[in-house]
PDB file of N, CA and C in Angstrom:
ATOM      1  N   VAL A   1     -43.504 -39.336   1.764  1.00  0.00           N
ATOM      2  CA  VAL A   1     -45.399 -38.752   1.641  1.00  0.00           C
ATOM      3  C   VAL A   1     -45.054 -37.620   2.304  1.00  0.00           C
ATOM      4  N   TYR A   2     -45.897 -36.576   1.788  1.00  0.00           N
ATOM      5  CA  TYR A   2     -46.382 -35.625   2.434  1.00  0.00           C
ATOM      6  C   TYR A   2     -47.651 -35.369   2.481  1.00  0.00           C
ATOM      7  N   LYS A   3     -48.182 -34.977   3.560  1.00  0.00           N
ATOM      8  CA  LYS A   3     -49.555 -34.628   3.991  1.00  0.00           C
ATOM      9  C   LYS A   3     -49.884 -33.090   4.654  1.00  0.00           C
ATOM     10  N   MET A   4     -51.130 -32.760   4.406  1.00  0.00           N
ATOM     11  CA  MET A   4     -51.395 -31.646   5.082  1.00  0.00           C
ATOM     12  C   MET A   4     -52.474 -32.190   6.392  1.00  0.00           C
ATOM     13  N   GLN A   5     -51.896 -31.300   7.461  1.00  0.00           N
ATOM     14  CA  GLN A   5     -52.719 -31.217   8.595  1.00  0.00           C
ATOM     15  C   GLN A   5     -53.003 -30.066   9.026  1.00  0.00           C
ATOM     16  N   ALA A   6     -54.576 -30.200  10.085  1.00  0.00           N
ATOM     17  CA  ALA A   6     -55.428 -29.143  10.182  1.00  0.00           C
ATOM     18  C   ALA A   6     -55.653 -29.024  11.702  1.00  0.00           C
ATOM     19  N   THR A   7     -55.823 -28.031  12.016  1.00  0.00           N
ATOM     20  CA  THR A   7     -56.340 -28.061  13.637  1.00  0.00           C
ATOM     21  C   THR A   7     -57.452 -26.894  13.590  1.00  0.00           C
ATOM     22  N   LEU A   8     -58.358 -26.958  14.964  1.00  0.00           N
ATOM     23  CA  LEU A   8     -59.153 -25.652  15.021  1.00  0.00           C
ATOM     24  C   LEU A   8     -59.073 -25.258  16.434  1.00  0.00           C
ATOM     25  N   SER A   9     -58.154 -25.841  17.068  1.00  0.00           N
ATOM     26  CA  SER A   9     -57.717 -25.460  18.502  1.00  0.00           C
ATOM     27  C   SER A   9     -56.479 -24.015  18.559  1.00  0.00           C
ATOM     28  N   LEU A  10     -56.939 -23.286  19.329  1.00  0.00           N
ATOM     29  CA  LEU A  10     -56.304 -21.988  19.244  1.00  0.00           C
ATOM     30  C   LEU A  10     -54.813 -21.981  19.575  1.00  0.00           C
ATOM     31  N   ASN A  11     -55.047 -23.264  20.642  1.00  0.00           N
ATOM     32  CA  ASN A  11     -53.041 -23.498  21.374  1.00  0.00           C
ATOM     33  C   ASN A  11     -52.979 -24.937  20.894  1.00  0.00           C
ATOM     34  N   PRO A  12     -52.937 -25.496  19.791  1.00  0.00           N
ATOM     35  CA  PRO A  12     -52.907 -26.965  19.329  1.00  0.00           C
ATOM     36  C   PRO A  12     -51.098 -27.578  19.684  1.00  0.00           C
ATOM     37  N   LEU A  13     -51.537 -28.561  20.312  1.00  0.00           N
ATOM     38  CA  LEU A  13     -50.830 -29.880  20.647  1.00  0.00           C
ATOM     39  C   LEU A  13     -50.430 -30.879  19.066  1.00  0.00           C
ATOM     40  N   ASN A  14     -49.327 -31.542  19.139  1.00  0.00           N
ATOM     41  CA  ASN A  14     -49.517 -32.523  18.028  1.00  0.00           C
ATOM     42  C   ASN A  14     -50.743 -33.540  17.898  1.00  0.00           C
ATOM     43  N   SER A  15     -51.056 -33.571  19.136  1.00  0.00           N
ATOM     44  CA  SER A  15     -52.711 -34.484  19.007  1.00  0.00           C
ATOM     45  C   SER A  15     -53.681 -33.908  18.417  1.00  0.00           C
ATOM     46  N   ASP A  16     -53.694 -32.623  18.383  1.00  0.00           N
ATOM     47  CA  ASP A  16     -54.883 -31.817  17.769  1.00  0.00           C
ATOM     48  C   ASP A  16     -54.914 -31.999  16.538  1.00  0.00           C
ATOM     49  N   TYR A  17     -54.200 -31.834  15.844  1.00  0.00           N
ATOM     50  CA  TYR A  17     -53.859 -32.140  14.414  1.00  0.00           C
ATOM     51  C   TYR A  17     -54.551 -33.278  13.992  1.00  0.00           C
ATOM     52  N   PHE A  18     -55.346 -33.243  12.688  1.00  0.00           N
ATOM     53  CA  PHE A  18     -55.791 -34.197  11.740  1.00  0.00           C
ATOM     54  C   PHE A  18     -55.247 -34.248  10.431  1.00  0.00           C
ATOM     55  N   ASP A  19     -55.577 -35.274   9.739  1.00  0.00           N
ATOM     56  CA  ASP A  19     -55.168 -35.162   8.462  1.00  0.00           C
ATOM     57  C   ASP A  19     -56.318 -34.343   7.415  1.00  0.00           C
ATOM     58  N   VAL A  20     -55.760 -33.686   6.436  1.00  0.00           N
ATOM     59  CA  VAL A  20     -56.996 -32.979   5.659  1.00  0.00           C
ATOM     60  C   VAL A  20     -57.277 -34.032   4.551  1.00  0.00           C
ATOM     61  N   SER A  21     -58.228 -34.489   4.494  1.00  0.00           N
ATOM     62  CA  SER A  21     -59.163 -35.388   3.542  1.00  0.00           C
ATOM     63  C   SER A  21     -58.476 -35.218   2.335  1.00  0.00           C
ATOM     64  N   GLY A  22     -57.954 -36.145   1.559  1.00  0.00           N
ATOM     65  CA  GLY A  22     -57.657 -36.145   0.450  1.00  0.00           C
ATOM     66  C   GLY A  22     -56.163 -35.588  -0.047  1.00  0.00           C
ATOM     67  N   GLN A  23     -55.277 -35.153   1.060  1.00  0.00           N
ATOM     68  CA  GLN A  23     -54.238 -34.395   0.870  1.00  0.00           C
ATOM     69  C   GLN A  23     -52.655 -35.044   1.137  1.00  0.00           C
ATOM     70  N   SER A  24     -52.675 -36.047   0.771  1.00  0.00           N
ATOM     71  CA  SER A  24     -51.239 -37.154   0.807  1.00  0.00           C
ATOM     72  C   SER A  24     -50.760 -37.140  -0.488  1.00  0.00           C
ATOM     73  N   TYR A  25     -49.709 -36.729  -0.919  1.00  0.00           N
ATOM     74  CA  TYR A  25     -48.803 -37.038  -1.705  1.00  0.00           C
ATOM     75  C   TYR A  25     -47.720 -37.564  -1.894  1.00  0.00           C
ATOM     76  N   THR A  26     -47.523 -38.787  -2.693  1.00  0.00           N
ATOM     77  CA  THR A  26     -46.059 -39.264  -2.850  1.00  0.00           C
ATOM     78  C   THR A  26     -45.299 -38.531  -3.679  1.00  0.00           C
ATOM     79  N   VAL A  27     -44.047 -38.204  -3.284  1.00  0.00           N
ATOM     80  CA  VAL A  27     -43.241 -37.657  -3.972  1.00  0.00           C
ATOM     81  C   VAL A  27     -42.737 -38.418  -5.074  1.00  0.00           C
ATOM     82  N   SER A  28     -42.324 -37.759  -6.556  1.00  0.00           N
ATOM     83  CA  SER A  28     -42.495 -38.722  -7.727  1.00  0.00           C
ATOM     84  C   SER A  28     -41.192 -38.153  -8.320  1.00  0.00           C
ATOM     85  N   SER A  29     -40.795 -38.304  -9.524  1.00  0.00           N
ATOM     86  CA  SER A  29     -39.609 -37.670 -10.133  1.00  0.00           C
ATOM     87  C   SER A  29     -39.548 -36.616 -11.127  1.00  0.00           C
ATOM     88  N   ILE A  30     -41.020 -35.912 -10.906  1.00  0.00           N
ATOM     89  CA  ILE A  30     -41.891 -35.008 -11.586  1.00  0.00           C
ATOM     90  C   ILE A  30     -40.921 -33.629 -11.108  1.00  0.00           C
ATOM     91  N   THR A  31     -40.698 -32.750 -12.096  1.00  0.00           N
ATOM     92  CA  THR A  31     -39.592 -31.664 -11.747  1.00  0.00           C
ATOM     93  C   THR A  31     -40.653 -30.343 -11.874  1.00  0.00           C
ATOM     94  N   ASP A  32     -41.868 -30.607 -12.858  1.00  0.00           N
ATOM     95  CA  ASP A  32     -42.941 -29.171 -12.524  1.00  0.00           C
ATOM     96  C   ASP A  32     -43.411 -28.503 -11.273  1.00  0.00           C
ATOM     97  N   VAL A  33     -44.050 -27.755 -11.575  1.00  0.00           N
ATOM     98  CA  VAL A  33     -45.149 -27.320 -10.228  1.00  0.00           C
ATOM     99  C   VAL A  33     -45.936 -28.198  -9.864  1.00  0.00           C
ATOM    100  N   GLU A  34     -46.554 -28.489  -8.793  1.00  0.00           N
ATOM    101  CA  GLU A  34     -48.029 -29.244  -8.942  1.00  0.00           C
ATOM    102  C   GLU A  34     -48.662 -28.513  -8.143  1.00  0.00           C
ATOM    103  N   TYR A  35     -49.787 -28.261  -8.313  1.00  0.00           N
ATOM    104  CA  TYR A  35     -50.995 -27.543  -7.314  1.00  0.00           C
ATOM    105  C   TYR A  35     -51.753 -28.479  -6.986  1.00  0.00           C
ATOM    106  N   HIS A  36     -52.169 -28.029  -5.692  1.00  0.00           N
ATOM    107  CA  HIS A  36     -53.062 -28.921  -4.850  1.00  0.00           C
ATOM    108  C   HIS A  36     -54.216 -28.138  -4.134  1.00  0.00           C
ATOM    109  N   THR A  37     -55.248 -28.362  -4.182  1.00  0.00           N
ATOM    110  CA  THR A  37     -56.219 -27.475  -3.681  1.00  0.00           C
ATOM    111  C   THR A  37     -57.103 -27.971  -2.763  1.00  0.00           C
ATOM    112  N   PHE A  38     -57.326 -27.279  -1.319  1.00  0.00           N
ATOM    113  CA  PHE A  38     -58.703 -28.042  -0.276  1.00  0.00           C
ATOM    114  C   PHE A  38     -59.085 -26.793   0.018  1.00  0.00           C
ATOM    115  N   ILE A  39     -60.179 -26.862   0.703  1.00  0.00           N
ATOM    116  CA  ILE A  39     -61.022 -25.926   1.389  1.00  0.00           C
ATOM    117  C   ILE A  39     -61.563 -26.333   2.257  1.00  0.00           C
ATOM    118  N   GLY A  40     -61.392 -25.194   3.399  1.00  0.00           N
ATOM    119  CA  GLY A  40     -61.629 -25.729   4.679  1.00  0.00           C
ATOM    120  C   GLY A  40     -61.664 -24.406   5.753  1.00  0.00           C
ATOM    121  N   MET A  41     -62.250 -24.345   7.168  1.00  0.00           N
ATOM    122  CA  MET A  41     -61.762 -23.572   8.152  1.00  0.00           C
ATOM    123  C   MET A  41     -61.236 -23.862   9.230  1.00  0.00           C
ATOM    124  N   TYR A  42     -60.085 -23.700   9.110  1.00  0.00           N
ATOM    125  CA  TYR A  42     -58.572 -24.151  10.016  1.00  0.00           C
ATOM    126  C   TYR A  42     -58.028 -23.224  10.742  1.00  0.00           C
ATOM    127  N   THR A  43     -57.819 -23.070  12.112  1.00  0.00           N
ATOM    128  CA  THR A  43     -56.693 -22.323  12.790  1.00  0.00           C
ATOM    129  C   THR A  43     -55.744 -22.299  12.352  1.00  0.00           C
ATOM    130  N   TYR A  44     -54.925 -23.906  12.289  1.00  0.00           N
ATOM    131  CA  TYR A  44     -53.512 -23.769  11.990  1.00  0.00           C
ATOM    132  C   TYR A  44     -53.412 -24.768  10.694  1.00  0.00           C
ATOM    133  N   VAL A  45     -52.272 -24.772   9.853  1.00  0.00           N
ATOM    134  CA  VAL A  45     -52.222 -25.916   8.918  1.00  0.00           C
ATOM    135  C   VAL A  45     -50.964 -25.915   8.930  1.00  0.00           C
ATOM    136  N   ARG A  46     -50.414 -27.360   8.944  1.00  0.00           N
ATOM    137  CA  ARG A  46     -49.132 -27.778   8.479  1.00  0.00           C
ATOM    138  C   ARG A  46     -48.810 -28.824   7.588  1.00  0.00           C
ATOM    139  N   LEU A  47     -47.771 -28.699   6.925  1.00  0.00           N
ATOM    140  CA  LEU A  47     -47.550 -30.036   5.865  1.00  0.00           C
ATOM    141  C   LEU A  47     -46.556 -31.033   6.642  1.00  0.00           C
ATOM    142  N   VAL A  48     -47.308 -32.341   6.677  1.00  0.00           N
ATOM    143  CA  VAL A  48     -46.257 -33.348   7.764  1.00  0.00           C
ATOM    144  C   VAL A  48     -45.277 -34.189   6.523  1.00  0.00           C
ATOM    145  N   HIS A  49     -44.191 -34.497   6.715  1.00  0.00           N
ATOM    146  CA  HIS A  49     -43.162 -35.287   6.184  1.00  0.00           C
ATOM    147  C   HIS A  49     -42.810 -36.440   6.285  1.00  0.00           C
ATOM    148  N   THR A  50     -43.495 -37.495   5.701  1.00  0.00           N
ATOM    149  CA  THR A  50     -42.908 -38.880   6.316  1.00  0.00           C
ATOM    150  C   THR A  50     -41.785 -39.165   5.304  1.00  0.00           C
ATOM    151  N   PRO A  51     -40.651 -39.663   5.871  1.00  0.00           N
ATOM    152  CA  PRO A  51     -39.540 -39.691   5.136  1.00  0.00           C
ATOM    153  C   PRO A  51     -39.163 -41.521   4.586  1.00  0.00           C
ATOM    154  N   ASP A  52     -38.977 -41.489   3.568  1.00  0.00           N
ATOM    155  CA  ASP A  52     -38.790 -42.774   2.841  1.00  0.00           C
ATOM    156  C   ASP A  52     -37.210 -43.099   2.950  1.00  0.00           C
ATOM    157  N   PRO A  53     -36.757 -43.793   3.397  1.00  0.00           N
ATOM    158  CA  PRO A  53     -35.164 -43.990   3.223  1.00  0.00           C
ATOM    159  C   PRO A  53     -34.517 -44.567   2.286  1.00  0.00           C
ATOM    160  N   GLY A  54     -35.419 -44.761   1.369  1.00  0.00           N
ATOM    161  CA  GLY A  54     -34.469 -45.357  -0.202  1.00  0.00           C
ATOM    162  C   GLY A  54     -34.825 -43.808  -1.143  1.00  0.00           C
ATOM    163  N   ASN A  55     -35.419 -42.752  -0.565  1.00  0.00           N
ATOM    164  CA  ASN A  55     -35.762 -41.858  -1.463  1.00  0.00           C
ATOM    165  C   ASN A  55     -34.492 -40.582  -1.164  1.00  0.00           C
ATOM    166  N   THR A  56     -34.105 -40.441  -2.341  1.00  0.00           N
ATOM    167  CA  THR A  56     -33.054 -39.355  -2.441  1.00  0.00           C
ATOM    168  C   THR A  56     -33.681 -37.783  -2.756  1.00  0.00           C
ATOM    169  N   GLY A  57     -34.583 -37.726  -3.104  1.00  0.00           N
ATOM    170  CA  GLY A  57     -34.869 -36.819  -3.671  1.00  0.00           C
ATOM    171  C   GLY A  57     -35.420 -35.588  -2.442  1.00  0.00           C
ATOM    172  N   THR A  58     -35.848 -34.269  -2.946  1.00  0.00           N
ATOM    173  CA  THR A  58     -35.940 -33.360  -2.049  1.00  0.00           C
ATOM    174  C   THR A  58     -37.438 -32.347  -2.418  1.00  0.00           C
ATOM    175  N   LEU A  59     -37.866 -31.915  -1.497  1.00  0.00           N
ATOM    176  CA  LEU A  59     -38.737 -30.835  -1.818  1.00  0.00           C
ATOM    177  C   LEU A  59     -38.654 -29.588  -1.681  1.00  0.00           C
ATOM    178  N   ASP A  60     -38.081 -28.689  -3.086  1.00  0.00           N
ATOM    179  CA  ASP A  60     -37.999 -27.617  -2.939  1.00  0.00           C
ATOM    180  C   ASP A  60     -38.582 -26.534  -2.125  1.00  0.00           C
ATOM    181  N   LYS A  61     -40.187 -26.329  -2.306  1.00  0.00           N
ATOM    182  CA  LYS A  61     -40.656 -25.102  -1.861  1.00  0.00           C
ATOM    183  C   LYS A  61     -41.996 -25.694  -1.564  1.00  0.00           C
ATOM    184  N   VAL A  62     -42.729 -25.020  -0.883  1.00  0.00           N
ATOM    185  CA  VAL A  62     -44.425 -25.174  -0.472  1.00  0.00           C
ATOM    186  C   VAL A  62     -44.791 -23.502  -0.154  1.00  0.00           C
ATOM    187  N   THR A  63     -45.816 -23.524  -1.222  1.00  0.00           N
ATOM    188  CA  THR A  63     -46.318 -21.656  -0.754  1.00  0.00           C
ATOM    189  C   THR A  63     -47.731 -22.383  -0.100  1.00  0.00           C
ATOM    190  N   TYR A  64     -48.035 -21.813   0.414  1.00  0.00           N
ATOM    191  CA  TYR A  64     -49.477 -21.679   1.256  1.00  0.00           C
ATOM    192  C   TYR A  64     -50.265 -20.471   1.156  1.00  0.00           C
ATOM    193  N   ARG A  65     -51.300 -20.339   0.645  1.00  0.00           N
ATOM    194  CA  ARG A  65     -52.169 -19.352   0.377  1.00  0.00           C
ATOM    195  C   ARG A  65     -53.325 -19.476   0.916  1.00  0.00           C
ATOM    196  N   SER A  66     -53.718 -18.546   1.878  1.00  0.00           N
ATOM    197  CA  SER A  66     -54.951 -18.676   2.443  1.00  0.00           C
ATOM    198  C   SER A  66     -55.879 -17.587   1.966  1.00  0.00           C
TER     199      SER A  66
END
């Protein structure tokens, strides 16, 4: 599972980040490019990965455009 997190803090700690609503994705066998859009005014944004022990796939690339 991959999810987007964001914060409004200028010097964030891990506890300052929150999940961006509607931006959680489970990896599938899709090999095409998938686009996801969200709107907000955040100071920092990060992608968080929660690995599944049975998953052998990979995430090849993440492009973030502000």
